[in-house]
PDB file of N, CA and C in Angstrom:
ATOM      1  N   UNK A   1     112.256  79.575  78.570  1.00  0.00           N
ATOM      2  CA  UNK A   1     113.625  79.565  78.070  1.00  0.00           C
ATOM      3  C   UNK A   1     113.817  80.588  76.950  1.00  0.00           C
ATOM      4  N   UNK A   2     112.797  80.704  76.113  1.00  0.00           N
ATOM      5  CA  UNK A   2     112.869  81.653  75.011  1.00  0.00           C
ATOM      6  C   UNK A   2     112.960  83.090  75.526  1.00  0.00           C
ATOM      7  N   UNK A   3     112.294  83.366  76.630  1.00  0.00           N
ATOM      8  CA  UNK A   3     112.341  84.705  77.220  1.00  0.00           C
ATOM      9  C   UNK A   3     113.729  85.058  77.729  1.00  0.00           C
ATOM     10  N   UNK A   4     114.424  84.063  78.276  1.00  0.00           N
ATOM     11  CA  UNK A   4     115.783  84.295  78.778  1.00  0.00           C
ATOM     12  C   UNK A   4     116.725  84.608  77.619  1.00  0.00           C
ATOM     13  N   UNK A   5     116.584  83.873  76.529  1.00  0.00           N
ATOM     14  CA  UNK A   5     117.425  84.115  75.357  1.00  0.00           C
ATOM     15  C   UNK A   5     117.149  85.498  74.793  1.00  0.00           C
ATOM     16  N   UNK A   6     115.899  85.895  74.717  1.00  0.00           N
ATOM     17  CA  UNK A   6     115.536  87.234  74.229  1.00  0.00           C
ATOM     18  C   UNK A   6     116.117  88.315  75.139  1.00  0.00           C
ATOM     19  N   UNK A   7     116.063  88.077  76.463  1.00  0.00           N
ATOM     20  CA  UNK A   7     116.600  89.042  77.419  1.00  0.00           C
ATOM     21  C   UNK A   7     118.109  89.205  77.237  1.00  0.00           C
ATOM     22  N   UNK A   8     118.826  88.097  77.114  1.00  0.00           N
ATOM     23  CA  UNK A   8     120.279  88.149  76.928  1.00  0.00           C
ATOM     24  C   UNK A   8     120.611  88.810  75.595  1.00  0.00           C
ATOM     25  N   UNK A   9     119.843  88.504  74.563  1.00  0.00           N
ATOM     26  CA  UNK A   9     120.055  89.114  73.249  1.00  0.00           C
ATOM     27  C   UNK A   9     119.844  90.626  73.321  1.00  0.00           C
ATOM     28  N   UNK A  10     118.814  91.060  74.047  1.00  0.00           N
ATOM     29  CA  UNK A  10     118.564  92.498  74.157  1.00  0.00           C
ATOM     30  C   UNK A  10     119.655  93.181  74.985  1.00  0.00           C
ATOM     31  N   UNK A  11     120.168  92.516  76.026  1.00  0.00           N
ATOM     32  CA  UNK A  11     121.283  93.086  76.797  1.00  0.00           C
ATOM     33  C   UNK A  11     122.525  93.235  75.929  1.00  0.00           C
ATOM     34  N   UNK A  12     122.787  92.229  75.101  1.00  0.00           N
ATOM     35  CA  UNK A  12     123.924  92.281  74.188  1.00  0.00           C
ATOM     36  C   UNK A  12     123.768  93.439  73.208  1.00  0.00           C
ATOM     37  N   UNK A  13     122.576  93.607  72.659  1.00  0.00           N
ATOM     38  CA  UNK A  13     122.304  94.696  71.726  1.00  0.00           C
ATOM     39  C   UNK A  13     122.491  96.058  72.397  1.00  0.00           C
ATOM     40  N   UNK A  14     121.995  96.202  73.623  1.00  0.00           N
ATOM     41  CA  UNK A  14     122.147  97.471  74.351  1.00  0.00           C
ATOM     42  C   UNK A  14     123.622  97.755  74.614  1.00  0.00           C
ATOM     43  N   UNK A  15     124.393  96.722  74.964  1.00  0.00           N
ATOM     44  CA  UNK A  15     125.819  96.912  75.216  1.00  0.00           C
ATOM     45  C   UNK A  15     126.544  97.363  73.944  1.00  0.00           C
ATOM     46  N   UNK A  16     126.196  96.768  72.812  1.00  0.00           N
ATOM     47  CA  UNK A  16     126.804  97.169  71.534  1.00  0.00           C
ATOM     48  C   UNK A  16     126.456  98.626  71.220  1.00  0.00           C
ATOM     49  N   UNK A  17     125.208  98.998  71.392  1.00  0.00           N
ATOM     50  CA  UNK A  17     124.777 100.372  71.108  1.00  0.00           C
ATOM     51  C   UNK A  17     125.457 101.376  72.032  1.00  0.00           C
ATOM     52  N   UNK A  18     125.601 101.026  73.302  1.00  0.00           N
ATOM     53  CA  UNK A  18     126.270 101.932  74.237  1.00  0.00           C
ATOM     54  C   UNK A  18     127.738 102.094  73.868  1.00  0.00           C
ATOM     55  N   UNK A  19     128.377 101.021  73.436  1.00  0.00           N
ATOM     56  CA  UNK A  19     129.766 101.115  72.993  1.00  0.00           C
ATOM     57  C   UNK A  19     129.903 101.993  71.768  1.00  0.00           C
ATOM     58  N   UNK A  20     128.979 101.831  70.818  1.00  0.00           N
ATOM     59  CA  UNK A  20     129.018 102.656  69.604  1.00  0.00           C
ATOM     60  C   UNK A  20     128.772 104.123  69.946  1.00  0.00           C
ATOM     61  N   UNK A  21     127.831 104.373  70.836  1.00  0.00           N
ATOM     62  CA  UNK A  21     127.550 105.755  71.234  1.00  0.00           C
ATOM     63  C   UNK A  21     128.755 106.373  71.939  1.00  0.00           C
ATOM     64  N   UNK A  22     129.417 105.603  72.788  1.00  0.00           N
ATOM     65  CA  UNK A  22     130.612 106.100  73.476  1.00  0.00           C
ATOM     66  C   UNK A  22     131.718 106.433  72.500  1.00  0.00           C
ATOM     67  N   UNK A  23     131.883 105.598  71.487  1.00  0.00           N
ATOM     68  CA  UNK A  23     132.897 105.845  70.474  1.00  0.00           C
ATOM     69  C   UNK A  23     132.588 107.121  69.709  1.00  0.00           C
ATOM     70  N   UNK A  24     131.315 107.329  69.364  1.00  0.00           N
ATOM     71  CA  UNK A  24     130.935 108.549  68.646  1.00  0.00           C
ATOM     72  C   UNK A  24     131.177 109.793  69.494  1.00  0.00           C
ATOM     73  N   UNK A  25     130.868 109.704  70.780  1.00  0.00           N
ATOM     74  CA  UNK A  25     131.095 110.850  71.674  1.00  0.00           C
ATOM     75  C   UNK A  25     132.588 111.148  71.765  1.00  0.00           C
ATOM     76  N   UNK A  26     133.405 110.097  71.884  1.00  0.00           N
ATOM     77  CA  UNK A  26     134.849 110.292  71.956  1.00  0.00           C
ATOM     78  C   UNK A  26     135.396 110.896  70.661  1.00  0.00           C
ATOM     79  N   UNK A  27     134.917 110.412  69.532  1.00  0.00           N
ATOM     80  CA  UNK A  27     135.370 110.943  68.241  1.00  0.00           C
ATOM     81  C   UNK A  27     134.962 112.403  68.091  1.00  0.00           C
ATOM     82  N   UNK A  28     133.772 112.750  68.531  1.00  0.00           N
ATOM     83  CA  UNK A  28     133.311 114.136  68.461  1.00  0.00           C
ATOM     84  C   UNK A  28     134.201 115.035  69.310  1.00  0.00           C
ATOM     85  N   UNK A  29     134.590 114.551  70.487  1.00  0.00           N
ATOM     86  CA  UNK A  29     135.492 115.322  71.349  1.00  0.00           C
ATOM     87  C   UNK A  29     136.842 115.540  70.696  1.00  0.00           C
ATOM     88  N   UNK A  30     137.375 114.496  70.045  1.00  0.00           N
ATOM     89  CA  UNK A  30     138.669 114.624  69.358  1.00  0.00           C
ATOM     90  C   UNK A  30     138.586 115.646  68.234  1.00  0.00           C
ATOM     91  N   UNK A  31     137.514 115.585  67.456  1.00  0.00           N
ATOM     92  CA  UNK A  31     137.343 116.535  66.348  1.00  0.00           C
ATOM     93  C   UNK A  31     137.202 117.955  66.887  1.00  0.00           C
ATOM     94  N   UNK A  32     136.487 118.105  67.989  1.00  0.00           N
ATOM     95  CA  UNK A  32     136.317 119.440  68.578  1.00  0.00           C
ATOM     96  C   UNK A  32     137.652 120.006  69.045  1.00  0.00           C
ATOM     97  N   UNK A  33     138.479 119.167  69.674  1.00  0.00           N
ATOM     98  CA  UNK A  33     139.795 119.647  70.125  1.00  0.00           C
ATOM     99  C   UNK A  33     140.669 120.037  68.942  1.00  0.00           C
ATOM    100  N   UNK A  34     140.652 119.236  67.898  1.00  0.00           N
ATOM    101  CA  UNK A  34     141.455 119.556  66.718  1.00  0.00           C
ATOM    102  C   UNK A  34     140.950 120.823  66.035  1.00  0.00           C
ATOM    103  N   UNK A  35     139.636 121.019  66.012  1.00  0.00           N
ATOM    104  CA  UNK A  35     139.082 122.238  65.422  1.00  0.00           C
ATOM    105  C   UNK A  35     139.495 123.460  66.231  1.00  0.00           C
ATOM    106  N   UNK A  36     139.505 123.326  67.550  1.00  0.00           N
ATOM    107  CA  UNK A  36     139.931 124.446  68.393  1.00  0.00           C
ATOM    108  C   UNK A  36     141.406 124.782  68.143  1.00  0.00           C
ATOM    109  N   UNK A  37     142.246 123.748  68.004  1.00  0.00           N
ATOM    110  CA  UNK A  37     143.663 123.986  67.713  1.00  0.00           C
ATOM    111  C   UNK A  37     143.827 124.675  66.362  1.00  0.00           C
ATOM    112  N   UNK A  38     143.104 124.196  65.355  1.00  0.00           N
ATOM    113  CA  UNK A  38     143.200 124.791  64.024  1.00  0.00           C
ATOM    114  C   UNK A  38     142.737 126.242  64.045  1.00  0.00           C
ATOM    115  N   UNK A  39     141.701 126.521  64.816  1.00  0.00           N
ATOM    116  CA  UNK A  39     141.194 127.889  64.906  1.00  0.00           C
ATOM    117  C   UNK A  39     142.227 128.802  65.560  1.00  0.00           C
ATOM    118  N   UNK A  40     142.921 128.291  66.565  1.00  0.00           N
ATOM    119  CA  UNK A  40     143.934 129.092  67.253  1.00  0.00           C
ATOM    120  C   UNK A  40     145.128 129.384  66.348  1.00  0.00           C
ATOM    121  N   UNK A  41     145.421 128.490  65.418  1.00  0.00           N
ATOM    122  CA  UNK A  41     146.559 128.679  64.529  1.00  0.00           C
ATOM    123  C   UNK A  41     146.214 129.462  63.272  1.00  0.00           C
ATOM    124  N   UNK A  42     145.009 129.907  63.169  1.00  0.00           N
ATOM    125  CA  UNK A  42     144.609 130.694  62.015  1.00  0.00           C
ATOM    126  C   UNK A  42     143.614 129.943  61.156  1.00  0.00           C
ATOM    127  N   UNK A  43     143.053 130.652  60.206  1.00  0.00           N
ATOM    128  CA  UNK A  43     142.028 130.075  59.358  1.00  0.00           C
ATOM    129  C   UNK A  43     142.553 129.003  58.430  1.00  0.00           C
ATOM    130  N   UNK A  44     141.654 128.237  57.934  1.00  0.00           N
ATOM    131  CA  UNK A  44     142.003 127.170  57.010  1.00  0.00           C
ATOM    132  C   UNK A  44     141.868 127.677  55.582  1.00  0.00           C
ATOM    133  N   UNK A  45     142.783 127.286  54.750  1.00  0.00           N
ATOM    134  CA  UNK A  45     142.730 127.668  53.354  1.00  0.00           C
ATOM    135  C   UNK A  45     141.830 126.687  52.604  1.00  0.00           C
ATOM    136  N   UNK A  46     140.691 127.149  52.139  1.00  0.00           N
ATOM    137  CA  UNK A  46     139.788 126.271  51.409  1.00  0.00           C
ATOM    138  C   UNK A  46     140.370 125.906  50.048  1.00  0.00           C
ATOM    139  N   UNK A  47     141.227 126.751  49.509  1.00  0.00           N
ATOM    140  CA  UNK A  47     141.912 126.408  48.262  1.00  0.00           C
ATOM    141  C   UNK A  47     142.785 125.177  48.480  1.00  0.00           C
ATOM    142  N   UNK A  48     143.508 125.160  49.605  1.00  0.00           N
ATOM    143  CA  UNK A  48     144.332 124.009  49.937  1.00  0.00           C
ATOM    144  C   UNK A  48     143.470 122.769  50.147  1.00  0.00           C
ATOM    145  N   UNK A  49     142.338 122.919  50.855  1.00  0.00           N
ATOM    146  CA  UNK A  49     141.445 121.794  51.114  1.00  0.00           C
ATOM    147  C   UNK A  49     140.887 121.233  49.811  1.00  0.00           C
ATOM    148  N   UNK A  50     140.440 122.101  48.933  1.00  0.00           N
ATOM    149  CA  UNK A  50     139.929 121.645  47.630  1.00  0.00           C
ATOM    150  C   UNK A  50     141.009 120.919  46.842  1.00  0.00           C
ATOM    151  N   UNK A  51     142.222 121.434  46.909  1.00  0.00           N
ATOM    152  CA  UNK A  51     143.351 120.792  46.218  1.00  0.00           C
ATOM    153  C   UNK A  51     143.569 119.388  46.777  1.00  0.00           C
ATOM    154  N   UNK A  52     143.447 119.211  48.084  1.00  0.00           N
ATOM    155  CA  UNK A  52     143.634 117.903  48.700  1.00  0.00           C
ATOM    156  C   UNK A  52     142.497 116.948  48.343  1.00  0.00           C
ATOM    157  N   UNK A  53     141.273 117.464  48.254  1.00  0.00           N
ATOM    158  CA  UNK A  53     140.116 116.608  48.004  1.00  0.00           C
ATOM    159  C   UNK A  53     139.982 116.179  46.549  1.00  0.00           C
ATOM    160  N   UNK A  54     140.212 117.117  45.620  1.00  0.00           N
ATOM    161  CA  UNK A  54     139.963 116.792  44.213  1.00  0.00           C
ATOM    162  C   UNK A  54     141.227 116.698  43.384  1.00  0.00           C
ATOM    163  N   UNK A  55     142.361 116.932  43.989  1.00  0.00           N
ATOM    164  CA  UNK A  55     143.632 116.823  43.275  1.00  0.00           C
ATOM    165  C   UNK A  55     144.059 118.145  42.670  1.00  0.00           C
ATOM    166  N   UNK A  56     145.290 118.164  42.249  1.00  0.00           N
ATOM    167  CA  UNK A  56     145.885 119.411  41.760  1.00  0.00           C
ATOM    168  C   UNK A  56     145.485 119.786  40.363  1.00  0.00           C
ATOM    169  N   UNK A  57     145.298 118.823  39.510  1.00  0.00           N
ATOM    170  CA  UNK A  57     144.976 119.120  38.134  1.00  0.00           C
ATOM    171  C   UNK A  57     146.126 119.771  37.375  1.00  0.00           C
ATOM    172  N   UNK A  58     147.350 119.481  37.786  1.00  0.00           N
ATOM    173  CA  UNK A  58     148.525 120.098  37.163  1.00  0.00           C
ATOM    174  C   UNK A  58     148.908 119.391  35.899  1.00  0.00           C
TER     175      UNK A  58
END
């Protein structure tokens, strides 16, 4: 009986890991598409990015 519980537990763990891996792959694809769009529209201003990350300091 203990072996069956361990087997079901391991199947559950594998299913969770596969779901997490699928989510990461999907997120990577979304980021890649957005990066391609940004590249097509011109370069990114790092001054603007720094301003967004650390604030304006005005």
